Protein backbone atom coordinates (compact mmCIF):
# COMPACT_ATOMS: atom_id res chain seq x y z
CA MET A 1 -59.61 68.95 -62.14
CA THR A 2 -60.34 69.25 -65.92
CA ALA A 3 -60.04 66.30 -68.23
CA THR A 4 -58.45 67.00 -71.65
CA LEU A 5 -59.84 65.24 -74.64
CA THR A 6 -57.30 64.62 -77.53
CA ARG A 7 -58.56 63.92 -80.98
CA VAL A 8 -56.93 61.00 -82.36
CA ASP A 9 -56.86 60.53 -86.17
CA VAL A 10 -57.61 57.06 -87.22
CA ALA A 11 -55.99 55.99 -90.36
CA PRO A 12 -58.22 54.19 -92.85
CA PRO A 13 -58.04 50.48 -93.05
CA VAL A 14 -55.46 49.11 -95.16
CA ALA A 15 -56.13 45.92 -97.30
CA SER A 16 -53.98 43.03 -96.12
CA PRO A 17 -51.18 41.91 -98.54
CA LYS A 18 -52.94 38.58 -98.64
CA ARG A 19 -56.07 40.03 -99.87
CA ARG A 20 -54.34 42.11 -102.53
CA ARG A 21 -52.59 39.07 -103.81
CA HIS A 22 -55.89 37.27 -104.69
CA ALA A 23 -56.65 39.62 -107.74
CA PRO A 24 -53.67 38.84 -109.93
CA GLY A 25 -54.21 34.97 -109.25
CA TRP A 26 -57.78 35.15 -110.44
CA LEU A 27 -56.69 37.02 -113.43
CA ALA A 28 -54.12 34.40 -114.32
CA VAL A 29 -56.80 31.77 -114.21
CA VAL A 30 -59.10 33.58 -116.70
CA PRO A 31 -57.45 32.24 -119.85
CA LEU A 32 -57.74 28.73 -118.60
CA LEU A 33 -61.51 29.32 -117.65
CA ALA A 34 -62.10 30.82 -121.06
CA PHE A 35 -60.41 27.95 -122.80
CA VAL A 36 -62.41 25.35 -120.67
CA ALA A 37 -65.72 27.16 -121.48
CA LEU A 38 -64.90 27.23 -125.27
CA ALA A 39 -63.37 23.66 -125.56
CA PHE A 40 -65.92 21.91 -123.14
CA GLY A 41 -68.61 24.10 -122.07
CA ILE A 42 -69.99 24.98 -125.62
CA PRO A 43 -69.85 21.37 -126.87
CA ALA A 44 -71.47 20.13 -123.70
CA LEU A 45 -74.36 22.59 -124.05
CA ALA A 46 -74.70 21.67 -127.75
CA MET A 47 -74.89 18.05 -126.82
CA LEU A 48 -77.36 18.58 -124.05
CA ASN A 49 -79.54 20.71 -126.36
CA GLY A 50 -79.37 18.21 -129.26
CA ALA A 51 -80.17 15.18 -126.97
CA PHE A 52 -83.56 16.73 -126.03
CA THR A 53 -84.39 18.17 -129.36
CA VAL A 54 -86.55 16.56 -132.06
CA LYS A 55 -87.21 17.85 -135.48
CA ASP A 56 -90.36 17.26 -137.35
CA PRO A 57 -89.48 16.05 -140.91
CA ALA A 58 -92.68 17.32 -142.45
CA THR A 59 -92.61 20.90 -141.06
CA GLY A 60 -89.07 21.34 -140.03
CA ALA A 61 -90.21 22.51 -136.53
CA THR A 62 -88.07 21.57 -133.56
CA SER A 63 -89.33 20.78 -130.11
CA TYR A 64 -88.00 19.51 -126.74
CA THR A 65 -88.74 16.07 -125.78
CA THR A 66 -87.12 12.97 -124.16
CA ALA A 67 -87.75 10.69 -127.09
CA ASN A 68 -84.13 10.65 -128.05
CA LEU A 69 -83.02 9.57 -124.58
CA THR A 70 -85.78 6.95 -124.49
CA ALA A 71 -84.62 5.64 -127.89
CA SER A 72 -80.94 5.50 -126.67
CA LEU A 73 -81.95 3.19 -123.90
CA LYS A 74 -83.73 0.62 -126.02
CA GLY A 75 -82.95 -2.17 -128.55
CA ALA A 76 -79.56 -2.19 -130.13
CA TYR A 77 -78.56 1.15 -128.41
CA LEU A 78 -78.98 -0.28 -125.00
CA THR A 79 -77.16 -3.48 -126.00
CA ALA A 80 -74.20 -1.41 -127.32
CA LEU A 81 -74.19 0.74 -124.17
CA LEU A 82 -74.11 -2.40 -121.80
CA GLY A 83 -71.44 -4.05 -124.13
CA SER A 84 -69.14 -0.90 -123.71
CA VAL A 85 -69.61 -0.96 -119.92
CA LYS A 86 -68.81 -4.70 -119.79
CA LEU A 87 -65.79 -4.42 -122.03
CA SER A 88 -64.47 -1.36 -120.25
CA ALA A 89 -65.05 -2.80 -116.74
CA VAL A 90 -63.37 -6.23 -117.56
CA SER A 91 -60.45 -4.47 -119.37
CA ALA A 92 -59.98 -1.91 -116.49
CA VAL A 93 -60.02 -4.67 -113.76
CA ILE A 94 -57.54 -7.00 -115.43
CA SER A 95 -55.28 -3.92 -116.33
CA ALA A 96 -55.48 -2.57 -112.75
CA VAL A 97 -54.33 -5.89 -111.08
CA LEU A 98 -51.55 -6.59 -113.68
CA GLY A 99 -50.38 -2.94 -113.67
CA LEU A 100 -50.32 -2.85 -109.89
CA LEU A 101 -48.10 -6.08 -109.79
CA LEU A 102 -45.78 -4.58 -112.54
CA ALA A 103 -45.44 -1.31 -110.80
CA GLN A 104 -44.76 -2.92 -107.49
CA ALA A 105 -41.98 -4.94 -109.07
CA VAL A 106 -40.48 -1.82 -110.59
CA VAL A 107 -40.77 0.36 -107.45
CA THR A 108 -38.95 -2.39 -105.26
CA SER A 109 -36.33 -3.01 -107.90
CA ARG A 110 -32.81 -2.18 -107.20
CA PHE A 111 -32.03 -1.32 -110.67
CA ARG A 112 -32.80 2.24 -111.36
CA ALA A 113 -32.22 1.81 -115.09
CA LEU A 114 -35.00 -0.87 -115.10
CA ARG A 115 -37.51 1.50 -113.33
CA GLU A 116 -36.69 4.31 -115.86
CA ALA A 117 -37.01 1.92 -118.88
CA VAL A 118 -40.41 0.50 -117.71
CA LEU A 119 -41.80 3.88 -117.07
CA THR A 120 -40.57 5.37 -120.44
CA ALA A 121 -41.98 2.33 -122.29
CA SER A 122 -45.18 2.74 -120.39
CA GLY A 123 -45.45 6.34 -121.39
CA VAL A 124 -45.04 5.40 -125.11
CA LEU A 125 -47.37 2.26 -124.98
CA ALA A 126 -50.03 4.09 -123.04
CA ASN A 127 -50.51 6.43 -126.11
CA PHE A 128 -50.08 3.73 -128.72
CA GLY A 129 -53.62 2.97 -129.96
CA GLY A 130 -56.10 3.49 -132.84
CA VAL A 131 -55.67 2.08 -136.19
CA PRO A 132 -51.84 1.31 -135.94
CA LEU A 133 -52.54 -0.93 -132.79
CA ALA A 134 -55.40 -2.66 -134.57
CA PHE A 135 -53.17 -3.28 -137.55
CA ALA A 136 -50.42 -4.61 -135.41
CA PHE A 137 -52.75 -7.19 -133.69
CA VAL A 138 -54.37 -8.23 -136.92
CA ALA A 139 -51.04 -8.93 -138.55
CA THR A 140 -49.89 -10.83 -135.48
CA LEU A 141 -52.92 -12.54 -134.04
CA GLY A 142 -55.59 -12.24 -136.85
CA ASN A 143 -57.02 -15.09 -138.86
CA SER A 144 -53.86 -14.96 -141.16
CA GLY A 145 -51.54 -13.43 -138.46
CA VAL A 146 -47.99 -14.62 -137.92
CA LEU A 147 -48.44 -16.20 -134.50
CA THR A 148 -51.91 -17.43 -135.45
CA ARG A 149 -50.55 -19.65 -138.27
CA TYR A 150 -47.23 -20.57 -136.44
CA LEU A 151 -49.02 -21.82 -133.34
CA ASP A 152 -52.31 -22.95 -135.16
CA LEU A 153 -54.36 -20.82 -132.81
CA THR A 154 -57.36 -21.05 -135.04
CA ASP A 155 -57.58 -24.76 -134.43
CA LYS A 156 -57.51 -24.17 -130.74
CA GLY A 157 -60.41 -21.74 -130.79
CA TRP A 158 -58.59 -18.41 -130.85
CA ASP A 159 -60.58 -15.64 -132.37
CA LEU A 160 -59.19 -12.08 -132.27
CA TYR A 161 -62.37 -10.44 -133.54
CA SER A 162 -64.26 -11.48 -130.39
CA PHE A 163 -64.90 -9.93 -126.99
CA TRP A 164 -61.93 -11.43 -125.27
CA GLY A 165 -59.76 -10.72 -128.28
CA LEU A 166 -60.70 -7.00 -128.01
CA VAL A 167 -59.96 -7.21 -124.23
CA ILE A 168 -56.40 -8.31 -124.94
CA VAL A 169 -55.89 -5.48 -127.42
CA TYR A 170 -57.12 -2.93 -124.90
CA LEU A 171 -54.84 -4.36 -122.24
CA TYR A 172 -51.78 -3.35 -124.51
CA PHE A 173 -52.27 0.24 -123.70
CA LEU A 174 -54.31 0.05 -120.43
CA ILE A 175 -51.56 -1.91 -118.42
CA PRO A 176 -48.92 0.79 -119.13
CA LEU A 177 -51.32 3.61 -118.15
CA MET A 178 -52.00 1.89 -114.87
CA VAL A 179 -48.24 1.50 -114.27
CA LEU A 180 -47.85 5.33 -114.74
CA THR A 181 -50.92 5.97 -112.54
CA ILE A 182 -50.22 3.69 -109.56
CA THR A 183 -46.32 4.24 -109.40
CA PRO A 184 -46.61 7.60 -107.51
CA ALA A 185 -48.92 6.12 -105.00
CA LEU A 186 -46.72 3.17 -104.43
CA ASP A 187 -43.80 5.67 -103.97
CA GLY A 188 -45.84 7.28 -101.21
CA LEU A 189 -46.12 4.11 -99.01
CA ARG A 190 -43.77 4.87 -96.09
CA VAL A 191 -40.95 2.42 -95.15
CA GLN A 192 -41.80 3.01 -91.51
CA TRP A 193 -45.28 1.45 -91.94
CA ARG A 194 -43.74 -1.77 -93.29
CA GLU A 195 -41.15 -1.90 -90.52
CA ALA A 196 -43.80 -1.16 -87.88
CA ALA A 197 -45.94 -4.08 -89.26
CA ARG A 198 -42.87 -6.40 -89.26
CA ASN A 199 -41.94 -5.45 -85.76
CA ASN A 200 -45.45 -6.31 -84.68
CA GLY A 201 -45.18 -9.78 -86.10
CA ALA A 202 -47.12 -9.12 -89.28
CA THR A 203 -46.30 -11.04 -92.40
CA ALA A 204 -46.21 -9.57 -95.93
CA VAL A 205 -49.63 -10.59 -96.74
CA GLN A 206 -50.94 -9.02 -93.50
CA TYR A 207 -49.23 -5.88 -94.25
CA TRP A 208 -50.67 -5.60 -97.81
CA ARG A 209 -54.09 -6.58 -96.53
CA HIS A 210 -54.36 -4.42 -93.46
CA VAL A 211 -51.95 -1.32 -94.24
CA ALA A 212 -50.95 -1.03 -98.00
CA LEU A 213 -54.05 -1.98 -99.74
CA PRO A 214 -56.36 0.19 -97.54
CA VAL A 215 -54.17 3.15 -98.04
CA LEU A 216 -53.86 2.44 -101.91
CA ALA A 217 -57.56 1.64 -102.32
CA PRO A 218 -58.61 5.19 -103.47
CA SER A 219 -55.50 5.46 -105.86
CA LEU A 220 -56.35 1.93 -107.20
CA LEU A 221 -60.03 3.06 -107.59
CA GLY A 222 -58.78 6.25 -109.34
CA GLY A 223 -56.62 4.16 -111.71
CA PHE A 224 -59.70 1.86 -112.52
CA VAL A 225 -61.74 5.07 -113.24
CA LEU A 226 -58.98 6.17 -115.64
CA LEU A 227 -58.72 2.91 -117.24
CA PHE A 228 -62.44 2.45 -117.46
CA GLY A 229 -62.90 5.88 -119.14
CA SER A 230 -59.98 5.22 -121.64
CA ALA A 231 -61.61 1.94 -122.67
CA PHE A 232 -65.16 3.26 -122.60
CA ALA A 233 -64.27 6.15 -125.00
CA ALA A 234 -61.94 4.19 -127.35
CA TYR A 235 -63.34 4.15 -130.83
CA ALA A 236 -60.61 3.86 -133.65
CA THR A 237 -59.12 0.60 -132.38
CA ALA A 238 -62.52 -1.27 -132.14
CA ALA A 239 -63.84 0.26 -135.45
CA ALA A 240 -60.62 -0.94 -137.35
CA MET A 241 -60.59 -4.31 -135.86
CA VAL A 242 -64.11 -5.56 -135.20
CA GLY A 243 -66.34 -3.05 -137.04
CA SER A 244 -69.95 -3.73 -136.01
CA SER A 245 -69.58 -7.49 -135.07
CA ILE A 246 -69.20 -6.32 -131.41
CA PRO A 247 -71.96 -3.79 -130.14
CA LEU A 248 -70.18 -0.79 -128.61
CA VAL A 249 -71.70 2.48 -127.93
CA THR A 250 -69.01 4.54 -129.69
CA LEU A 251 -69.58 2.52 -132.92
CA GLN A 252 -73.34 3.10 -132.51
CA ILE A 253 -72.83 6.80 -132.17
CA ALA A 254 -70.66 6.73 -135.38
CA ASP A 255 -73.27 4.81 -137.19
CA ALA A 256 -76.05 7.18 -136.10
CA ILE A 257 -74.17 10.29 -137.14
CA SER A 258 -73.26 8.95 -140.49
CA GLY A 259 -76.56 7.44 -141.19
CA ASN A 260 -75.32 3.92 -141.84
CA VAL A 261 -78.34 2.32 -140.36
CA LEU A 262 -81.00 4.95 -140.18
CA VAL A 263 -81.14 8.51 -141.65
CA GLY A 264 -81.86 11.48 -139.31
CA GLN A 265 -80.57 9.80 -136.09
CA GLU A 266 -78.02 12.51 -135.24
CA ASN A 267 -79.89 13.59 -132.10
CA VAL A 268 -80.00 9.93 -131.00
CA ALA A 269 -76.22 9.92 -131.13
CA LEU A 270 -76.09 12.93 -128.94
CA ALA A 271 -78.37 11.25 -126.51
CA LEU A 272 -76.00 8.28 -126.50
CA SER A 273 -73.13 10.71 -125.88
CA LEU A 274 -75.09 12.07 -122.86
CA ASP A 275 -75.49 8.46 -121.65
CA MET A 276 -71.76 7.99 -121.82
CA VAL A 277 -71.25 11.21 -119.83
CA LEU A 278 -73.69 10.12 -117.15
CA VAL A 279 -71.99 6.71 -116.76
CA ALA A 280 -68.56 8.49 -116.35
CA GLY A 281 -70.17 10.81 -113.78
CA LEU A 282 -71.53 7.96 -111.67
CA VAL A 283 -68.09 6.33 -111.67
CA MET A 284 -66.38 9.67 -110.63
CA ALA A 285 -68.93 10.24 -107.96
CA VAL A 286 -67.70 7.13 -106.13
CA TYR A 287 -63.90 7.91 -106.79
CA LEU A 288 -63.62 11.44 -105.55
CA PRO A 289 -64.63 10.99 -101.83
CA LEU A 290 -62.04 7.99 -101.58
CA GLN A 291 -59.45 10.10 -103.28
CA ARG A 292 -59.61 12.75 -100.69
CA ARG A 293 -59.38 10.17 -97.94
CA SER A 294 -56.32 8.73 -99.55
CA ALA A 295 -54.65 12.20 -99.86
CA ARG A 296 -54.70 12.53 -96.10
CA TRP A 297 -52.84 9.42 -95.67
CA LEU A 298 -50.23 9.94 -98.28
CA GLU A 299 -49.59 13.58 -97.33
CA ALA A 300 -49.27 12.90 -93.56
């Protein structure tokens, strides 16, 4: 009995459709990556290079050193950095609490028109800052402001050009920003969770303490990070309202670049900018892991 071997031609492997679809996707992202590299990458590299560069005024030679970073963490520069962190943290905490309460009232409201009106107003007010906002508060609550004279606030110890006065100004645009940030998370809370808690005898306080707030905690922290960053980077409002009476790192950067205090401190200003980036990075490092945890709950 003779076995017959038949040659079978094997077709070459064909790339799966899934693999073929990846190439156009990457090509579509190239313009975005190029824009990010130009708009953020080059300025970041320039800031990093300038923060570690010192120029000899006599010879004009440049060298790499940590002298700028060391100077940015001493004296008035350190005071300004800590002042900005304090102002941003206090403003962000107050805005996060008040924004959460306002957003919850809007989400649970039966009037759809009220929700749309509040969200629309929040979108406008969250972007209302800078010199116009400072002028509005000076004209209203300044030393010669309308409400200051009408209510005799000066005799009661009110001072707009102080730390707490600046906090109140920042709340004007931070609270609406928090409302816009936390409203989608509040919409993600399932009605079944509240009903299950109620059926098991939980009160409203217990529901918020053991169910709602743990789920919302990453979103709340994310809102806090956003508010902190907005207040931390704000410049025009504080510059137009308080000038140099309150030490802030953004004002110190402007003074160092313009040479208002000392000439030739441009690289120290870049070192201060690097300090701001590091502070923002530390805050984001805490936020990102919790945000992933929250996404699993809200998408379940």
